[in-house]
């Protein structure tokens, strides 16, 4: 009898499964979009960091220049 209950209204089962499938697909799309967004943000941050001069090189150059001028 329990086996029959799951298929009492097959059209309702089909509708439910379609809704579940659509919800899962939407979550997958959102997750993929979020992953792409995170990857783009990381790429932008990496590019910005690579454009900055190294902090140690600037402080050393400043120190060398100051010693030479005195």
PDB file of N, CA and C in Angstrom:
ATOM      1  N   UNK A   1       0.818  -1.190   0.000  1.00  0.00           N
ATOM      2  CA  UNK A   1       0.000   0.000   0.000  1.00  0.00           C
ATOM      3  C   UNK A   1       0.864   1.258   0.000  1.00  0.00           C
ATOM      4  N   UNK A   2       1.995   1.260   0.708  1.00  0.00           N
ATOM      5  CA  UNK A   2       2.857   2.431   0.741  1.00  0.00           C
ATOM      6  C   UNK A   2       3.437   2.751  -0.631  1.00  0.00           C
ATOM      7  N   UNK A   3       3.709   1.739  -1.405  1.00  0.00           N
ATOM      8  CA  UNK A   3       4.235   1.971  -2.747  1.00  0.00           C
ATOM      9  C   UNK A   3       3.224   2.700  -3.615  1.00  0.00           C
ATOM     10  N   UNK A   4       1.968   2.478  -3.413  1.00  0.00           N
ATOM     11  CA  UNK A   4       0.915   3.096  -4.213  1.00  0.00           C
ATOM     12  C   UNK A   4       0.746   4.564  -3.834  1.00  0.00           C
ATOM     13  N   UNK A   5       0.949   4.904  -2.577  1.00  0.00           N
ATOM     14  CA  UNK A   5       0.726   6.276  -2.115  1.00  0.00           C
ATOM     15  C   UNK A   5       1.588   7.288  -2.856  1.00  0.00           C
ATOM     16  N   UNK A   6       2.815   6.948  -3.159  1.00  0.00           N
ATOM     17  CA  UNK A   6       3.704   7.864  -3.857  1.00  0.00           C
ATOM     18  C   UNK A   6       3.243   8.182  -5.257  1.00  0.00           C
ATOM     19  N   UNK A   7       2.417   7.354  -5.836  1.00  0.00           N
ATOM     20  CA  UNK A   7       1.958   7.559  -7.206  1.00  0.00           C
ATOM     21  C   UNK A   7       0.448   7.660  -7.274  1.00  0.00           C
ATOM     22  N   UNK A   8      -0.153   8.144  -6.204  1.00  0.00           N
ATOM     23  CA  UNK A   8      -1.604   8.261  -6.192  1.00  0.00           C
ATOM     24  C   UNK A   8      -2.078   9.269  -7.230  1.00  0.00           C
ATOM     25  N   UNK A   9      -1.363  10.398  -7.321  1.00  0.00           N
ATOM     26  CA  UNK A   9      -1.675  11.410  -8.322  1.00  0.00           C
ATOM     27  C   UNK A   9      -0.409  11.693  -9.131  1.00  0.00           C
ATOM     28  N   UNK A  10      -0.154  10.924 -10.157  1.00  0.00           N
ATOM     29  CA  UNK A  10       1.099  11.075 -10.904  1.00  0.00           C
ATOM     30  C   UNK A  10       1.285  12.470 -11.486  1.00  0.00           C
ATOM     31  N   UNK A  11       0.212  13.130 -11.894  1.00  0.00           N
ATOM     32  CA  UNK A  11       0.370  14.478 -12.448  1.00  0.00           C
ATOM     33  C   UNK A  11       0.847  15.461 -11.369  1.00  0.00           C
ATOM     34  N   UNK A  12       0.418  15.236 -10.124  1.00  0.00           N
ATOM     35  CA  UNK A  12       0.899  16.081  -9.030  1.00  0.00           C
ATOM     36  C   UNK A  12       2.374  15.796  -8.741  1.00  0.00           C
ATOM     37  N   UNK A  13       2.743  14.524  -8.808  1.00  0.00           N
ATOM     38  CA  UNK A  13       4.148  14.162  -8.625  1.00  0.00           C
ATOM     39  C   UNK A  13       5.007  14.830  -9.691  1.00  0.00           C
ATOM     40  N   UNK A  14       4.547  14.797 -10.927  1.00  0.00           N
ATOM     41  CA  UNK A  14       5.289  15.410 -12.028  1.00  0.00           C
ATOM     42  C   UNK A  14       5.435  16.911 -11.821  1.00  0.00           C
ATOM     43  N   UNK A  15       4.360  17.562 -11.389  1.00  0.00           N
ATOM     44  CA  UNK A  15       4.423  19.007 -11.139  1.00  0.00           C
ATOM     45  C   UNK A  15       5.411  19.309 -10.016  1.00  0.00           C
ATOM     46  N   UNK A  16       5.360  18.509  -8.965  1.00  0.00           N
ATOM     47  CA  UNK A  16       6.268  18.708  -7.838  1.00  0.00           C
ATOM     48  C   UNK A  16       7.718  18.516  -8.282  1.00  0.00           C
ATOM     49  N   UNK A  17       7.970  17.448  -9.016  1.00  0.00           N
ATOM     50  CA  UNK A  17       9.333  17.183  -9.476  1.00  0.00           C
ATOM     51  C   UNK A  17       9.830  18.293 -10.394  1.00  0.00           C
ATOM     52  N   UNK A  18       8.961  18.830 -11.238  1.00  0.00           N
ATOM     53  CA  UNK A  18       9.343  19.943 -12.115  1.00  0.00           C
ATOM     54  C   UNK A  18       9.694  21.183 -11.298  1.00  0.00           C
ATOM     55  N   UNK A  19       8.918  21.449 -10.242  1.00  0.00           N
ATOM     56  CA  UNK A  19       9.212  22.605  -9.382  1.00  0.00           C
ATOM     57  C   UNK A  19      10.546  22.418  -8.663  1.00  0.00           C
ATOM     58  N   UNK A  20      10.780  21.215  -8.177  1.00  0.00           N
ATOM     59  CA  UNK A  20      12.049  20.930  -7.502  1.00  0.00           C
ATOM     60  C   UNK A  20      13.210  21.087  -8.486  1.00  0.00           C
ATOM     61  N   UNK A  21      13.045  20.541  -9.675  1.00  0.00           N
ATOM     62  CA  UNK A  21      14.089  20.628 -10.690  1.00  0.00           C
ATOM     63  C   UNK A  21      14.364  22.088 -11.051  1.00  0.00           C
ATOM     64  N   UNK A  22      13.305  22.881 -11.221  1.00  0.00           N
ATOM     65  CA  UNK A  22      13.482  24.297 -11.545  1.00  0.00           C
ATOM     66  C   UNK A  22      14.190  25.032 -10.415  1.00  0.00           C
ATOM     67  N   UNK A  23      13.843  24.720  -9.177  1.00  0.00           N
ATOM     68  CA  UNK A  23      14.477  25.365  -8.029  1.00  0.00           C
ATOM     69  C   UNK A  23      15.959  25.011  -7.952  1.00  0.00           C
ATOM     70  N   UNK A  24      16.271  23.755  -8.194  1.00  0.00           N
ATOM     71  CA  UNK A  24      17.673  23.319  -8.169  1.00  0.00           C
ATOM     72  C   UNK A  24      18.456  24.002  -9.279  1.00  0.00           C
ATOM     73  N   UNK A  25      17.883  24.070 -10.466  1.00  0.00           N
ATOM     74  CA  UNK A  25      18.563  24.726 -11.589  1.00  0.00           C
ATOM     75  C   UNK A  25      18.794  26.204 -11.296  1.00  0.00           C
ATOM     76  N   UNK A  26      17.819  26.862 -10.679  1.00  0.00           N
ATOM     77  CA  UNK A  26      17.975  28.274 -10.329  1.00  0.00           C
ATOM     78  C   UNK A  26      19.082  28.461  -9.299  1.00  0.00           C
ATOM     79  N   UNK A  27      19.127  27.587  -8.303  1.00  0.00           N
ATOM     80  CA  UNK A  27      20.198  27.670  -7.310  1.00  0.00           C
ATOM     81  C   UNK A  27      21.558  27.454  -7.958  1.00  0.00           C
ATOM     82  N   UNK A  28      21.634  26.524  -8.899  1.00  0.00           N
ATOM     83  CA  UNK A  28      22.897  26.281  -9.593  1.00  0.00           C
ATOM     84  C   UNK A  28      23.309  27.499 -10.411  1.00  0.00           C
ATOM     85  N   UNK A  29      22.349  28.153 -11.066  1.00  0.00           N
ATOM     86  CA  UNK A  29      22.659  29.369 -11.832  1.00  0.00           C
ATOM     87  C   UNK A  29      23.164  30.469 -10.903  1.00  0.00           C
ATOM     88  N   UNK A  30      22.499  30.623  -9.754  1.00  0.00           N
ATOM     89  CA  UNK A  30      22.917  31.650  -8.805  1.00  0.00           C
ATOM     90  C   UNK A  30      24.305  31.361  -8.245  1.00  0.00           C
ATOM     91  N   UNK A  31      24.571  30.101  -7.959  1.00  0.00           N
ATOM     92  CA  UNK A  31      25.888  29.727  -7.433  1.00  0.00           C
ATOM     93  C   UNK A  31      26.972  29.976  -8.482  1.00  0.00           C
ATOM     94  N   UNK A  32      26.693  29.637  -9.736  1.00  0.00           N
ATOM     95  CA  UNK A  32      27.665  29.868 -10.806  1.00  0.00           C
ATOM     96  C   UNK A  32      27.902  31.363 -10.994  1.00  0.00           C
ATOM     97  N   UNK A  33      26.841  32.138 -10.923  1.00  0.00           N
ATOM     98  CA  UNK A  33      26.964  33.587 -11.066  1.00  0.00           C
ATOM     99  C   UNK A  33      27.784  34.172  -9.921  1.00  0.00           C
ATOM    100  N   UNK A  34      27.537  33.709  -8.714  1.00  0.00           N
ATOM    101  CA  UNK A  34      28.294  34.188  -7.555  1.00  0.00           C
ATOM    102  C   UNK A  34      29.765  33.810  -7.684  1.00  0.00           C
ATOM    103  N   UNK A  35      30.034  32.616  -8.182  1.00  0.00           N
ATOM    104  CA  UNK A  35      31.422  32.179  -8.365  1.00  0.00           C
ATOM    105  C   UNK A  35      32.122  33.047  -9.400  1.00  0.00           C
ATOM    106  N   UNK A  36      31.426  33.365 -10.482  1.00  0.00           N
ATOM    107  CA  UNK A  36      32.010  34.241 -11.506  1.00  0.00           C
ATOM    108  C   UNK A  36      32.269  35.632 -10.926  1.00  0.00           C
ATOM    109  N   UNK A  37      31.319  36.130 -10.148  1.00  0.00           N
ATOM    110  CA  UNK A  37      31.475  37.453  -9.537  1.00  0.00           C
ATOM    111  C   UNK A  37      32.679  37.467  -8.604  1.00  0.00           C
ATOM    112  N   UNK A  38      32.815  36.428  -7.787  1.00  0.00           N
ATOM    113  CA  UNK A  38      33.961  36.341  -6.880  1.00  0.00           C
ATOM    114  C   UNK A  38      35.274  36.271  -7.660  1.00  0.00           C
ATOM    115  N   UNK A  39      35.285  35.514  -8.743  1.00  0.00           N
ATOM    116  CA  UNK A  39      36.499  35.387  -9.555  1.00  0.00           C
ATOM    117  C   UNK A  39      36.868  36.729 -10.172  1.00  0.00           C
ATOM    118  N   UNK A  40      35.881  37.471 -10.634  1.00  0.00           N
ATOM    119  CA  UNK A  40      36.145  38.785 -11.224  1.00  0.00           C
ATOM    120  C   UNK A  40      36.669  39.743 -10.157  1.00  0.00           C
ATOM    121  N   UNK A  41      36.054  39.725  -8.985  1.00  0.00           N
ATOM    122  CA  UNK A  41      36.527  40.587  -7.903  1.00  0.00           C
ATOM    123  C   UNK A  41      37.970  40.258  -7.537  1.00  0.00           C
ATOM    124  N   UNK A  42      38.283  38.967  -7.449  1.00  0.00           N
ATOM    125  CA  UNK A  42      39.648  38.551  -7.129  1.00  0.00           C
ATOM    126  C   UNK A  42      40.621  39.013  -8.205  1.00  0.00           C
ATOM    127  N   UNK A  43      40.223  38.897  -9.462  1.00  0.00           N
ATOM    128  CA  UNK A  43      41.087  39.316 -10.566  1.00  0.00           C
ATOM    129  C   UNK A  43      41.330  40.822 -10.513  1.00  0.00           C
ATOM    130  N   UNK A  44      40.304  41.586 -10.203  1.00  0.00           N
ATOM    131  CA  UNK A  44      40.453  43.039 -10.096  1.00  0.00           C
ATOM    132  C   UNK A  44      41.392  43.396  -8.950  1.00  0.00           C
ATOM    133  N   UNK A  45      41.186  42.768  -7.800  1.00  0.00           N
ATOM    134  CA  UNK A  45      42.066  43.040  -6.657  1.00  0.00           C
ATOM    135  C   UNK A  45      43.514  42.669  -6.956  1.00  0.00           C
ATOM    136  N   UNK A  46      43.711  41.552  -7.630  1.00  0.00           N
ATOM    137  CA  UNK A  46      45.058  41.122  -7.988  1.00  0.00           C
ATOM    138  C   UNK A  46      45.702  42.122  -8.942  1.00  0.00           C
ATOM    139  N   UNK A  47      44.934  42.581  -9.924  1.00  0.00           N
ATOM    140  CA  UNK A  47      45.460  43.561 -10.873  1.00  0.00           C
ATOM    141  C   UNK A  47      45.799  44.867 -10.170  1.00  0.00           C
ATOM    142  N   UNK A  48      44.951  45.304  -9.260  1.00  0.00           N
ATOM    143  CA  UNK A  48      45.220  46.540  -8.524  1.00  0.00           C
ATOM    144  C   UNK A  48      46.467  46.400  -7.660  1.00  0.00           C
ATOM    145  N   UNK A  49      46.606  45.257  -7.012  1.00  0.00           N
ATOM    146  CA  UNK A  49      47.779  45.032  -6.165  1.00  0.00           C
ATOM    147  C   UNK A  49      49.060  44.976  -6.999  1.00  0.00           C
ATOM    148  N   UNK A  50      48.974  44.392  -8.189  1.00  0.00           N
ATOM    149  CA  UNK A  50      50.177  44.264  -9.012  1.00  0.00           C
ATOM    150  C   UNK A  50      50.628  45.613  -9.566  1.00  0.00           C
ATOM    151  N   UNK A  51      49.740  46.576  -9.621  1.00  0.00           N
ATOM    152  CA  UNK A  51      50.099  47.913 -10.114  1.00  0.00           C
ATOM    153  C   UNK A  51      50.769  48.757  -9.046  1.00  0.00           C
ATOM    154  N   UNK A  52      50.557  48.410  -7.793  1.00  0.00           N
ATOM    155  CA  UNK A  52      51.152  49.182  -6.710  1.00  0.00           C
ATOM    156  C   UNK A  52      52.639  48.870  -6.627  1.00  0.00           C
ATOM    157  N   UNK A  53      53.445  49.903  -6.417  1.00  0.00           N
ATOM    158  CA  UNK A  53      54.877  49.619  -6.233  1.00  0.00           C
ATOM    159  C   UNK A  53      55.089  48.925  -4.898  1.00  0.00           C
ATOM    160  N   UNK A  54      56.073  48.078  -4.815  1.00  0.00           N
ATOM    161  CA  UNK A  54      56.347  47.406  -3.540  1.00  0.00           C
ATOM    162  C   UNK A  54      56.664  48.444  -2.464  1.00  0.00           C
ATOM    163  N   UNK A  55      56.101  48.265  -1.291  1.00  0.00           N
ATOM    164  CA  UNK A  55      56.293  49.241  -0.215  1.00  0.00           C
ATOM    165  C   UNK A  55      57.737  49.269   0.268  1.00  0.00           C
ATOM    166  N   UNK A  56      58.386  48.142   0.326  1.00  0.00           N
ATOM    167  CA  UNK A  56      59.764  48.092   0.802  1.00  0.00           C
ATOM    168  C   UNK A  56      60.707  48.815  -0.144  1.00  0.00           C
ATOM    169  N   UNK A  57      60.495  48.698  -1.433  1.00  0.00           N
ATOM    170  CA  UNK A  57      61.365  49.345  -2.411  1.00  0.00           C
ATOM    171  C   UNK A  57      61.275  50.853  -2.281  1.00  0.00           C
ATOM    172  N   UNK A  58      60.106  51.409  -2.073  1.00  0.00           N
ATOM    173  CA  UNK A  58      59.955  52.849  -1.921  1.00  0.00           C
ATOM    174  C   UNK A  58      60.644  53.349  -0.665  1.00  0.00           C
ATOM    175  N   UNK A  59      60.488  52.651   0.447  1.00  0.00           N
ATOM    176  CA  UNK A  59      61.099  53.101   1.693  1.00  0.00           C
ATOM    177  C   UNK A  59      62.618  52.989   1.604  1.00  0.00           C
ATOM    178  N   UNK A  60      63.146  51.975   0.932  1.00  0.00           N
ATOM    179  CA  UNK A  60      64.584  51.830   0.783  1.00  0.00           C
ATOM    180  C   UNK A  60      65.145  52.908  -0.131  1.00  0.00           C
ATOM    181  N   UNK A  61      64.430  53.166  -1.230  1.00  0.00           N
ATOM    182  CA  UNK A  61      64.893  54.200  -2.148  1.00  0.00           C
ATOM    183  C   UNK A  61      64.902  55.546  -1.451  1.00  0.00           C
ATOM    184  N   UNK A  62      63.870  55.814  -0.668  1.00  0.00           N
ATOM    185  CA  UNK A  62      63.808  57.075   0.064  1.00  0.00           C
ATOM    186  C   UNK A  62      64.957  57.188   1.043  1.00  0.00           C
ATOM    187  N   UNK A  63      65.275  56.104   1.697  1.00  0.00           N
ATOM    188  CA  UNK A  63      66.365  56.110   2.651  1.00  0.00           C
ATOM    189  C   UNK A  63      67.696  56.332   1.972  1.00  0.00           C
ATOM    190  N   UNK A  64      67.910  55.736   0.820  1.00  0.00           N
ATOM    191  CA  UNK A  64      69.160  55.904   0.077  1.00  0.00           C
ATOM    192  C   UNK A  64      69.281  57.331  -0.389  1.00  0.00           C
ATOM    193  N   UNK A  65      68.211  57.890  -0.925  1.00  0.00           N
ATOM    194  CA  UNK A  65      68.242  59.260  -1.413  1.00  0.00           C
ATOM    195  C   UNK A  65      68.505  60.236  -0.284  1.00  0.00           C
ATOM    196  N   UNK A  66      67.934  60.000   0.863  1.00  0.00           N
ATOM    197  CA  UNK A  66      68.123  60.907   1.977  1.00  0.00           C
ATOM    198  C   UNK A  66      69.569  60.855   2.465  1.00  0.00           C
ATOM    199  N   UNK A  67      70.165  59.682   2.454  1.00  0.00           N
ATOM    200  CA  UNK A  67      71.553  59.571   2.907  1.00  0.00           C
ATOM    201  C   UNK A  67      72.492  60.265   1.934  1.00  0.00           C
ATOM    202  N   UNK A  68      72.212  60.148   0.633  1.00  0.00           N
ATOM    203  CA  UNK A  68      73.079  60.754  -0.357  1.00  0.00           C
ATOM    204  C   UNK A  68      72.997  62.279  -0.350  1.00  0.00           C
ATOM    205  N   UNK A  69      71.857  62.835  -0.001  1.00  0.00           N
ATOM    206  CA  UNK A  69      71.695  64.271  -0.046  1.00  0.00           C
ATOM    207  C   UNK A  69      72.282  64.951   1.188  1.00  0.00           C
ATOM    208  N   UNK A  70      72.486  64.227   2.270  1.00  0.00           N
ATOM    209  CA  UNK A  70      72.985  64.844   3.499  1.00  0.00           C
ATOM    210  C   UNK A  70      74.459  64.897   3.527  1.00  0.00           C
TER     211      UNK A  70
END
